């Protein structure tokens, strides 16, 4: 039996997922396969490297720091992102709060990140390199439209994987996973609304009509996907953990106390269901 874990994105709201992963790590539960989107996978690699609370330390220490995120970074022509790219993807993991590349490399399973191909408007699923110290892939999967530059990987242009496939449970099953656990970053009653900035998106990405079309259909596809996930959960084919509330945490939350509370919500959700998760994964 092959087990899989799917981590939705959500920028700093994904600290909920990190809490879930830390609870699973404490219970020594590790899947055979992990696929994540945006911050879901950017945080998820610290679970696979077995570094509990590392993500919590990163966000509670640096979310208020303008080097980490802020409009000054977006205005910097050498950065062109709301997030300080060198600081977030190089200085923090390689100097300030070190990421354990050796432990990550020792993870025996498969790990993939989702990115949206601007030419096709569809999701591409790529293996996360184990020892890449400034991963363009982990930056690209987090690259929210209008807030990040376009990333080119293997000659193709990419942005945020959540545009094309926000919750890649189908892909996990296609990879041969018999048991798939999904961690969401929105409550069960959440309904995604259409993108308010579509006029600006159409103008900014006019050279990529398939990507614009994907942005236009994103809300409908997302809502339909969640309905299918909950249906499969009722059938016992998926195990789903979702927050009861996001506790007022925004995608670019700066308040360490709010972030700590949402992490704790995820951690407790995993601890409370640890035996259920073990049984589902056949641990």
C-alpha atoms as a PDB file:
ATOM      1  CA  UNK A   1       0.000   0.000   0.000  1.00  0.00           C
ATOM      2  CA  UNK A   2       1.264   3.465  -0.923  1.00  0.00           C
ATOM      3  CA  UNK A   3       0.286   6.412   1.270  1.00  0.00           C
ATOM      4  CA  UNK A   4       0.121  10.021   0.144  1.00  0.00           C
ATOM      5  CA  UNK A   5      -0.146  13.426   1.779  1.00  0.00           C
ATOM      6  CA  UNK A   6      -1.550  16.444  -0.088  1.00  0.00           C
ATOM      7  CA  UNK A   7      -0.884  19.943   1.250  1.00  0.00           C
ATOM      8  CA  UNK A   8      -2.928  22.907   0.011  1.00  0.00           C
ATOM      9  CA  UNK A   9      -1.275  26.314  -0.242  1.00  0.00           C
ATOM     10  CA  UNK A  10      -2.454  29.610   1.201  1.00  0.00           C
ATOM     11  CA  UNK A  11       0.723  31.613   1.893  1.00  0.00           C
ATOM     12  CA  UNK A  12       1.079  32.179   5.649  1.00  0.00           C
ATOM     13  CA  UNK A  13      -2.244  30.459   6.356  1.00  0.00           C
ATOM     14  CA  UNK A  14      -0.385  27.241   5.504  1.00  0.00           C
ATOM     15  CA  UNK A  15       1.087  27.433   8.996  1.00  0.00           C
ATOM     16  CA  UNK A  16      -2.059  25.436   9.894  1.00  0.00           C
ATOM     17  CA  UNK A  17      -0.798  22.614   7.653  1.00  0.00           C
ATOM     18  CA  UNK A  18       2.618  22.905   9.264  1.00  0.00           C
ATOM     19  CA  UNK A  19       0.987  22.355  12.654  1.00  0.00           C
ATOM     20  CA  UNK A  20      -0.734  19.246  11.296  1.00  0.00           C
ATOM     21  CA  UNK A  21       2.585  17.962   9.941  1.00  0.00           C
ATOM     22  CA  UNK A  22       4.339  18.655  13.242  1.00  0.00           C
ATOM     23  CA  UNK A  23       1.667  16.651  15.043  1.00  0.00           C
ATOM     24  CA  UNK A  24       2.171  13.775  12.603  1.00  0.00           C
ATOM     25  CA  UNK A  25       5.927  14.037  12.983  1.00  0.00           C
ATOM     26  CA  UNK A  26       5.569  13.764  16.737  1.00  0.00           C
ATOM     27  CA  UNK A  27       3.580  10.604  16.132  1.00  0.00           C
ATOM     28  CA  UNK A  28       6.290   9.329  13.767  1.00  0.00           C
ATOM     29  CA  UNK A  29       3.875   9.216  10.822  1.00  0.00           C
ATOM     30  CA  UNK A  30       5.489   9.725   7.426  1.00  0.00           C
ATOM     31  CA  UNK A  31       3.808   9.111   4.033  1.00  0.00           C
ATOM     32  CA  UNK A  32       5.360   7.391   1.033  1.00  0.00           C
ATOM     33  CA  UNK A  33       4.525  10.367  -1.173  1.00  0.00           C
ATOM     34  CA  UNK A  34       3.964  14.067  -0.590  1.00  0.00           C
ATOM     35  CA  UNK A  35       2.692  16.675  -3.034  1.00  0.00           C
ATOM     36  CA  UNK A  36       2.111  20.291  -2.115  1.00  0.00           C
ATOM     37  CA  UNK A  37       1.156  23.621  -3.555  1.00  0.00           C
ATOM     38  CA  UNK A  38       2.740  26.984  -2.822  1.00  0.00           C
ATOM     39  CA  UNK A  39       3.468  27.389   0.896  1.00  0.00           C
ATOM     40  CA  UNK A  40       2.069  23.890   1.424  1.00  0.00           C
ATOM     41  CA  UNK A  41       5.170  22.349  -0.119  1.00  0.00           C
ATOM     42  CA  UNK A  42       7.523  25.173   0.916  1.00  0.00           C
ATOM     43  CA  UNK A  43       6.606  24.354   4.527  1.00  0.00           C
ATOM     44  CA  UNK A  44       6.141  20.639   3.860  1.00  0.00           C
ATOM     45  CA  UNK A  45       9.810  19.984   3.152  1.00  0.00           C
ATOM     46  CA  UNK A  46      10.615  20.786   6.806  1.00  0.00           C
ATOM     47  CA  UNK A  47       8.257  17.952   7.777  1.00  0.00           C
ATOM     48  CA  UNK A  48      10.129  15.581   5.475  1.00  0.00           C
ATOM     49  CA  UNK A  49      13.454  16.788   6.918  1.00  0.00           C
ATOM     50  CA  UNK A  50      12.039  16.013  10.366  1.00  0.00           C
ATOM     51  CA  UNK A  51      12.466  19.510  11.768  1.00  0.00           C
ATOM     52  CA  UNK A  52       9.464  20.043  14.054  1.00  0.00           C
ATOM     53  CA  UNK A  53       8.359  23.634  14.614  1.00  0.00           C
ATOM     54  CA  UNK A  54      10.937  24.980  12.165  1.00  0.00           C
ATOM     55  CA  UNK A  55       8.252  26.704  10.078  1.00  0.00           C
ATOM     56  CA  UNK A  56       6.683  28.112  13.219  1.00  0.00           C
ATOM     57  CA  UNK A  57      10.022  29.607  14.216  1.00  0.00           C
ATOM     58  CA  UNK A  58      10.500  31.088  10.731  1.00  0.00           C
ATOM     59  CA  UNK A  59       7.127  32.825  10.506  1.00  0.00           C
ATOM     60  CA  UNK A  60       6.893  34.020  14.106  1.00  0.00           C
ATOM     61  CA  UNK A  61      10.425  35.422  13.904  1.00  0.00           C
ATOM     62  CA  UNK A  62      10.396  36.930  10.431  1.00  0.00           C
ATOM     63  CA  UNK A  63       6.792  37.629   9.341  1.00  0.00           C
ATOM     64  CA  UNK A  64       6.999  41.113  10.936  1.00  0.00           C
ATOM     65  CA  UNK A  65      10.374  41.717   9.252  1.00  0.00           C
ATOM     66  CA  UNK A  66      10.261  43.909   6.124  1.00  0.00           C
ATOM     67  CA  UNK A  67      13.108  41.874   4.672  1.00  0.00           C
ATOM     68  CA  UNK A  68      10.744  38.892   4.646  1.00  0.00           C
ATOM     69  CA  UNK A  69       7.705  40.562   3.091  1.00  0.00           C
ATOM     70  CA  UNK A  70       6.454  44.020   2.287  1.00  0.00           C
ATOM     71  CA  UNK A  71       5.762  46.448  -0.537  1.00  0.00           C
ATOM     72  CA  UNK A  72       9.377  47.612  -0.429  1.00  0.00           C
ATOM     73  CA  UNK A  73      10.368  44.208  -1.831  1.00  0.00           C
ATOM     74  CA  UNK A  74       7.814  44.429  -4.629  1.00  0.00           C
ATOM     75  CA  UNK A  75       9.110  47.863  -5.610  1.00  0.00           C
ATOM     76  CA  UNK A  76      12.704  46.603  -5.754  1.00  0.00           C
ATOM     77  CA  UNK A  77      13.486  46.032  -9.447  1.00  0.00           C
ATOM     78  CA  UNK A  78      15.989  43.342  -8.481  1.00  0.00           C
ATOM     79  CA  UNK A  79      13.371  41.454  -6.454  1.00  0.00           C
ATOM     80  CA  UNK A  80       9.921  42.177  -7.961  1.00  0.00           C
ATOM     81  CA  UNK A  81       8.089  40.176  -5.319  1.00  0.00           C
ATOM     82  CA  UNK A  82       6.148  41.063  -2.177  1.00  0.00           C
ATOM     83  CA  UNK A  83       8.451  38.587  -0.437  1.00  0.00           C
ATOM     84  CA  UNK A  84      12.179  39.205  -0.118  1.00  0.00           C
ATOM     85  CA  UNK A  85      13.306  36.315  -2.305  1.00  0.00           C
ATOM     86  CA  UNK A  86      16.956  36.091  -1.297  1.00  0.00           C
ATOM     87  CA  UNK A  87      16.093  36.589   2.366  1.00  0.00           C
ATOM     88  CA  UNK A  88      13.221  34.061   2.405  1.00  0.00           C
ATOM     89  CA  UNK A  89      14.699  31.381   0.151  1.00  0.00           C
ATOM     90  CA  UNK A  90      18.421  31.708   0.831  1.00  0.00           C
ATOM     91  CA  UNK A  91      19.371  33.662   3.961  1.00  0.00           C
ATOM     92  CA  UNK A  92      16.808  32.042   6.271  1.00  0.00           C
ATOM     93  CA  UNK A  93      17.230  28.368   5.265  1.00  0.00           C
ATOM     94  CA  UNK A  94      20.974  28.525   4.718  1.00  0.00           C
ATOM     95  CA  UNK A  95      22.062  30.843   7.534  1.00  0.00           C
ATOM     96  CA  UNK A  96      19.477  31.959  10.099  1.00  0.00           C
ATOM     97  CA  UNK A  97      17.226  28.918  10.681  1.00  0.00           C
ATOM     98  CA  UNK A  98      19.089  26.178   8.811  1.00  0.00           C
ATOM     99  CA  UNK A  99      17.203  23.625   6.758  1.00  0.00           C
ATOM    100  CA  UNK A 100      18.551  20.081   7.117  1.00  0.00           C
ATOM    101  CA  UNK A 101      19.317  19.099   3.516  1.00  0.00           C
ATOM    102  CA  UNK A 102      20.875  15.798   4.589  1.00  0.00           C
ATOM    103  CA  UNK A 103      17.734  14.708   6.442  1.00  0.00           C
ATOM    104  CA  UNK A 104      15.571  15.805   3.521  1.00  0.00           C
ATOM    105  CA  UNK A 105      17.761  13.804   1.136  1.00  0.00           C
ATOM    106  CA  UNK A 106      17.325  10.782   3.407  1.00  0.00           C
ATOM    107  CA  UNK A 107      13.524  10.831   3.002  1.00  0.00           C
ATOM    108  CA  UNK A 108      12.933   7.633   0.991  1.00  0.00           C
ATOM    109  CA  UNK A 109       9.681   8.672  -0.655  1.00  0.00           C
ATOM    110  CA  UNK A 110       8.696  10.884  -3.547  1.00  0.00           C
ATOM    111  CA  UNK A 111       8.045  14.622  -3.127  1.00  0.00           C
ATOM    112  CA  UNK A 112       6.539  16.922  -5.744  1.00  0.00           C
ATOM    113  CA  UNK A 113       5.557  20.572  -6.074  1.00  0.00           C
ATOM    114  CA  UNK A 114       2.801  21.934  -8.298  1.00  0.00           C
ATOM    115  CA  UNK A 115       3.382  24.871 -10.644  1.00  0.00           C
ATOM    116  CA  UNK A 116       1.100  26.467 -13.224  1.00  0.00           C
ATOM    117  CA  UNK A 117       2.457  26.593 -16.768  1.00  0.00           C
ATOM    118  CA  UNK A 118       1.569  29.990 -18.224  1.00  0.00           C
ATOM    119  CA  UNK A 119       1.684  28.700 -21.793  1.00  0.00           C
ATOM    120  CA  UNK A 120      -0.819  25.899 -21.215  1.00  0.00           C
ATOM    121  CA  UNK A 121      -2.724  27.181 -18.186  1.00  0.00           C
ATOM    122  CA  UNK A 122      -2.335  23.692 -16.726  1.00  0.00           C
ATOM    123  CA  UNK A 123      -0.540  22.201 -13.750  1.00  0.00           C
ATOM    124  CA  UNK A 124       2.902  20.663 -14.013  1.00  0.00           C
ATOM    125  CA  UNK A 125       4.127  18.407 -11.217  1.00  0.00           C
ATOM    126  CA  UNK A 126       7.857  18.442 -10.555  1.00  0.00           C
ATOM    127  CA  UNK A 127      10.131  16.486  -8.256  1.00  0.00           C
ATOM    128  CA  UNK A 128      11.621  18.672  -5.520  1.00  0.00           C
ATOM    129  CA  UNK A 129      15.431  18.524  -5.622  1.00  0.00           C
ATOM    130  CA  UNK A 130      16.856  17.385  -2.303  1.00  0.00           C
ATOM    131  CA  UNK A 131      19.964  19.534  -2.041  1.00  0.00           C
ATOM    132  CA  UNK A 132      19.110  22.652  -4.039  1.00  0.00           C
ATOM    133  CA  UNK A 133      19.888  25.559  -1.743  1.00  0.00           C
ATOM    134  CA  UNK A 134      17.912  28.298  -3.506  1.00  0.00           C
ATOM    135  CA  UNK A 135      15.161  26.279  -5.154  1.00  0.00           C
ATOM    136  CA  UNK A 136      13.552  28.030  -8.149  1.00  0.00           C
ATOM    137  CA  UNK A 137      10.815  25.376  -8.013  1.00  0.00           C
ATOM    138  CA  UNK A 138       9.837  26.210  -4.435  1.00  0.00           C
ATOM    139  CA  UNK A 139       9.800  29.869  -5.390  1.00  0.00           C
ATOM    140  CA  UNK A 140       7.738  29.235  -8.513  1.00  0.00           C
ATOM    141  CA  UNK A 141       5.078  27.180  -6.734  1.00  0.00           C
ATOM    142  CA  UNK A 142       4.633  30.081  -4.273  1.00  0.00           C
ATOM    143  CA  UNK A 143       4.606  32.766  -6.986  1.00  0.00           C
ATOM    144  CA  UNK A 144       1.227  34.411  -6.519  1.00  0.00           C
ATOM    145  CA  UNK A 145       0.123  36.319  -9.637  1.00  0.00           C
ATOM    146  CA  UNK A 146       0.919  40.046  -9.503  1.00  0.00           C
ATOM    147  CA  UNK A 147       3.049  39.524  -6.378  1.00  0.00           C
ATOM    148  CA  UNK A 148       5.967  37.544  -7.859  1.00  0.00           C
ATOM    149  CA  UNK A 149       7.964  37.556 -11.078  1.00  0.00           C
ATOM    150  CA  UNK A 150       7.438  34.798 -13.638  1.00  0.00           C
ATOM    151  CA  UNK A 151       9.825  31.849 -13.168  1.00  0.00           C
ATOM    152  CA  UNK A 152      11.315  29.982 -16.102  1.00  0.00           C
ATOM    153  CA  UNK A 153      12.105  26.294 -15.549  1.00  0.00           C
ATOM    154  CA  UNK A 154      13.197  24.056 -18.405  1.00  0.00           C
ATOM    155  CA  UNK A 155      12.305  26.843 -20.816  1.00  0.00           C
ATOM    156  CA  UNK A 156       8.711  27.172 -19.612  1.00  0.00           C
ATOM    157  CA  UNK A 157       7.128  30.093 -17.693  1.00  0.00           C
ATOM    158  CA  UNK A 158       5.557  29.300 -14.322  1.00  0.00           C
ATOM    159  CA  UNK A 159       3.601  30.848 -11.456  1.00  0.00           C
ATOM    160  CA  UNK A 160       1.663  29.662  -8.383  1.00  0.00           C
ATOM    161  CA  UNK A 161       0.597  26.019  -8.653  1.00  0.00           C
ATOM    162  CA  UNK A 162      -2.676  26.838  -6.923  1.00  0.00           C
ATOM    163  CA  UNK A 163      -4.014  28.504 -10.063  1.00  0.00           C
ATOM    164  CA  UNK A 164      -4.199  25.203 -11.960  1.00  0.00           C
ATOM    165  CA  UNK A 165      -4.471  22.637  -9.137  1.00  0.00           C
ATOM    166  CA  UNK A 166      -4.989  23.969  -5.631  1.00  0.00           C
ATOM    167  CA  UNK A 167      -5.488  20.581  -3.975  1.00  0.00           C
ATOM    168  CA  UNK A 168      -3.721  17.914  -6.067  1.00  0.00           C
ATOM    169  CA  UNK A 169      -5.405  14.810  -4.636  1.00  0.00           C
ATOM    170  CA  UNK A 170      -6.145  13.414  -8.100  1.00  0.00           C
ATOM    171  CA  UNK A 171      -2.469  13.576  -8.990  1.00  0.00           C
ATOM    172  CA  UNK A 172      -1.589  11.744  -5.771  1.00  0.00           C
ATOM    173  CA  UNK A 173      -3.894   8.926  -6.799  1.00  0.00           C
ATOM    174  CA  UNK A 174      -2.414   8.928 -10.300  1.00  0.00           C
ATOM    175  CA  UNK A 175       0.972   8.423  -8.657  1.00  0.00           C
ATOM    176  CA  UNK A 176      -0.317   5.159  -7.236  1.00  0.00           C
ATOM    177  CA  UNK A 177      -1.357   6.249  -3.751  1.00  0.00           C
ATOM    178  CA  UNK A 178      -3.990   3.937  -2.283  1.00  0.00           C
ATOM    179  CA  UNK A 179      -4.524   6.074   0.808  1.00  0.00           C
ATOM    180  CA  UNK A 180      -4.514   9.858   0.458  1.00  0.00           C
ATOM    181  CA  UNK A 181      -4.733  12.375   3.276  1.00  0.00           C
ATOM    182  CA  UNK A 182      -5.596  15.976   2.348  1.00  0.00           C
ATOM    183  CA  UNK A 183      -4.765  18.970   4.530  1.00  0.00           C
ATOM    184  CA  UNK A 184      -6.744  22.093   3.633  1.00  0.00           C
ATOM    185  CA  UNK A 185      -6.115  25.664   4.716  1.00  0.00           C
ATOM    186  CA  UNK A 186      -9.727  26.894   4.534  1.00  0.00           C
ATOM    187  CA  UNK A 187     -12.653  25.791   6.713  1.00  0.00           C
ATOM    188  CA  UNK A 188     -15.106  23.276   5.313  1.00  0.00           C
ATOM    189  CA  UNK A 189     -17.791  25.899   4.679  1.00  0.00           C
ATOM    190  CA  UNK A 190     -15.480  28.156   2.671  1.00  0.00           C
ATOM    191  CA  UNK A 191     -16.588  29.108  -0.843  1.00  0.00           C
ATOM    192  CA  UNK A 192     -14.054  30.744  -3.122  1.00  0.00           C
ATOM    193  CA  UNK A 193     -15.215  33.843  -4.962  1.00  0.00           C
ATOM    194  CA  UNK A 194     -14.109  35.074  -8.352  1.00  0.00           C
ATOM    195  CA  UNK A 195     -10.853  36.994  -8.666  1.00  0.00           C
ATOM    196  CA  UNK A 196     -11.440  40.711  -8.043  1.00  0.00           C
ATOM    197  CA  UNK A 197      -8.301  41.726  -9.917  1.00  0.00           C
ATOM    198  CA  UNK A 198      -9.159  39.980 -13.201  1.00  0.00           C
ATOM    199  CA  UNK A 199      -8.946  43.202 -15.269  1.00  0.00           C
ATOM    200  CA  UNK A 200      -5.366  43.746 -14.077  1.00  0.00           C
ATOM    201  CA  UNK A 201      -4.533  40.063 -14.537  1.00  0.00           C
ATOM    202  CA  UNK A 202      -5.845  40.124 -18.117  1.00  0.00           C
ATOM    203  CA  UNK A 203      -3.666  43.125 -18.854  1.00  0.00           C
ATOM    204  CA  UNK A 204      -0.537  41.881 -17.055  1.00  0.00           C
ATOM    205  CA  UNK A 205      -0.626  38.366 -18.516  1.00  0.00           C
ATOM    206  CA  UNK A 206      -2.154  39.148 -21.916  1.00  0.00           C
ATOM    207  CA  UNK A 207       0.658  37.208 -23.601  1.00  0.00           C
ATOM    208  CA  UNK A 208      -0.592  34.057 -21.826  1.00  0.00           C
ATOM    209  CA  UNK A 209      -4.298  33.609 -22.713  1.00  0.00           C
ATOM    210  CA  UNK A 210      -4.444  30.070 -21.326  1.00  0.00           C
ATOM    211  CA  UNK A 211      -3.195  31.290 -17.975  1.00  0.00           C
ATOM    212  CA  UNK A 212      -5.766  34.102 -17.966  1.00  0.00           C
ATOM    213  CA  UNK A 213      -8.481  31.544 -18.715  1.00  0.00           C
ATOM    214  CA  UNK A 214      -7.254  29.408 -15.801  1.00  0.00           C
ATOM    215  CA  UNK A 215      -7.479  32.421 -13.499  1.00  0.00           C
ATOM    216  CA  UNK A 216     -11.016  33.127 -14.700  1.00  0.00           C
ATOM    217  CA  UNK A 217     -12.180  29.574 -13.981  1.00  0.00           C
ATOM    218  CA  UNK A 218     -10.164  29.100 -10.790  1.00  0.00           C
ATOM    219  CA  UNK A 219     -12.923  29.731  -8.246  1.00  0.00           C
ATOM    220  CA  UNK A 220     -15.433  27.424  -9.919  1.00  0.00           C
ATOM    221  CA  UNK A 221     -12.896  24.622 -10.323  1.00  0.00           C
ATOM    222  CA  UNK A 222     -11.728  25.017  -6.727  1.00  0.00           C
ATOM    223  CA  UNK A 223     -15.227  24.869  -5.269  1.00  0.00           C
ATOM    224  CA  UNK A 224     -16.163  21.843  -7.379  1.00  0.00           C
ATOM    225  CA  UNK A 225     -12.949  20.101  -6.388  1.00  0.00           C
ATOM    226  CA  UNK A 226     -13.657  20.578  -2.699  1.00  0.00           C
ATOM    227  CA  UNK A 227     -17.156  19.156  -3.105  1.00  0.00           C
ATOM    228  CA  UNK A 228     -15.664  16.052  -4.708  1.00  0.00           C
ATOM    229  CA  UNK A 229     -13.060  15.758  -1.937  1.00  0.00           C
ATOM    230  CA  UNK A 230     -15.733  15.856   0.764  1.00  0.00           C
ATOM    231  CA  UNK A 231     -17.763  13.270  -1.142  1.00  0.00           C
ATOM    232  CA  UNK A 232     -14.781  10.911  -1.258  1.00  0.00           C
ATOM    233  CA  UNK A 233     -14.140  11.577   2.419  1.00  0.00           C
ATOM    234  CA  UNK A 234     -17.682  10.434   3.203  1.00  0.00           C
ATOM    235  CA  UNK A 235     -16.961   7.273   1.210  1.00  0.00           C
ATOM    236  CA  UNK A 236     -13.830   6.653   3.282  1.00  0.00           C
ATOM    237  CA  UNK A 237     -11.521   7.063   0.279  1.00  0.00           C
ATOM    238  CA  UNK A 238      -9.801  10.230   1.530  1.00  0.00           C
ATOM    239  CA  UNK A 239      -8.912  11.499   4.986  1.00  0.00           C
ATOM    240  CA  UNK A 240      -9.356  15.263   5.274  1.00  0.00           C
ATOM    241  CA  UNK A 241      -8.167  17.724   7.895  1.00  0.00           C
ATOM    242  CA  UNK A 242      -9.354  21.325   7.595  1.00  0.00           C
ATOM    243  CA  UNK A 243      -9.291  24.213  10.066  1.00  0.00           C
ATOM    244  CA  UNK A 244     -12.469  25.094  11.914  1.00  0.00           C
ATOM    245  CA  UNK A 245     -11.372  28.718  11.490  1.00  0.00           C
ATOM    246  CA  UNK A 246      -8.397  30.558  10.005  1.00  0.00           C
ATOM    247  CA  UNK A 247      -8.460  32.703  13.157  1.00  0.00           C
ATOM    248  CA  UNK A 248      -8.230  35.933  11.208  1.00  0.00           C
ATOM    249  CA  UNK A 249      -4.871  35.018   9.669  1.00  0.00           C
ATOM    250  CA  UNK A 250      -4.360  36.570   6.231  1.00  0.00           C
ATOM    251  CA  UNK A 251      -2.122  35.297   3.438  1.00  0.00           C
ATOM    252  CA  UNK A 252       0.425  37.947   4.442  1.00  0.00           C
ATOM    253  CA  UNK A 253      -0.129  37.874   8.196  1.00  0.00           C
ATOM    254  CA  UNK A 254       2.468  39.687  10.325  1.00  0.00           C
ATOM    255  CA  UNK A 255       1.130  38.997  13.818  1.00  0.00           C
ATOM    256  CA  UNK A 256       3.232  36.228  15.437  1.00  0.00           C
ATOM    257  CA  UNK A 257       0.534  35.503  18.023  1.00  0.00           C
ATOM    258  CA  UNK A 258      -2.094  34.853  15.357  1.00  0.00           C
ATOM    259  CA  UNK A 259       0.300  32.639  13.434  1.00  0.00           C
ATOM    260  CA  UNK A 260       1.169  30.704  16.572  1.00  0.00           C
ATOM    261  CA  UNK A 261      -2.533  30.121  17.317  1.00  0.00           C
ATOM    262  CA  UNK A 262      -3.248  28.826  13.816  1.00  0.00           C
ATOM    263  CA  UNK A 263      -0.221  26.523  13.987  1.00  0.00           C
ATOM    264  CA  UNK A 264      -1.520  25.245  17.332  1.00  0.00           C
ATOM    265  CA  UNK A 265      -4.944  24.617  15.796  1.00  0.00           C
ATOM    266  CA  UNK A 266      -3.335  22.435  13.128  1.00  0.00           C
ATOM    267  CA  UNK A 267      -1.101  20.655  15.618  1.00  0.00           C
ATOM    268  CA  UNK A 268      -4.032  19.819  17.894  1.00  0.00           C
ATOM    269  CA  UNK A 269      -6.149  18.683  14.944  1.00  0.00           C
ATOM    270  CA  UNK A 270      -3.464  16.130  14.067  1.00  0.00           C
ATOM    271  CA  UNK A 271      -2.863  15.005  17.659  1.00  0.00           C
ATOM    272  CA  UNK A 272      -6.605  14.506  18.223  1.00  0.00           C
ATOM    273  CA  UNK A 273      -6.838  12.299  15.132  1.00  0.00           C
ATOM    274  CA  UNK A 274      -3.455  10.596  15.367  1.00  0.00           C
ATOM    275  CA  UNK A 275      -4.850   7.090  15.816  1.00  0.00           C
ATOM    276  CA  UNK A 276      -7.322   7.651  12.975  1.00  0.00           C
ATOM    277  CA  UNK A 277      -4.447   8.751  10.732  1.00  0.00           C
ATOM    278  CA  UNK A 278      -2.395   5.713  11.755  1.00  0.00           C
ATOM    279  CA  UNK A 279      -5.274   3.388  10.958  1.00  0.00           C
ATOM    280  CA  UNK A 280      -5.951   5.092   7.616  1.00  0.00           C
ATOM    281  CA  UNK A 281      -2.302   4.855   6.584  1.00  0.00           C
ATOM    282  CA  UNK A 282      -1.972   1.345   7.987  1.00  0.00           C
ATOM    283  CA  UNK A 283       0.892   2.362  10.274  1.00  0.00           C
END
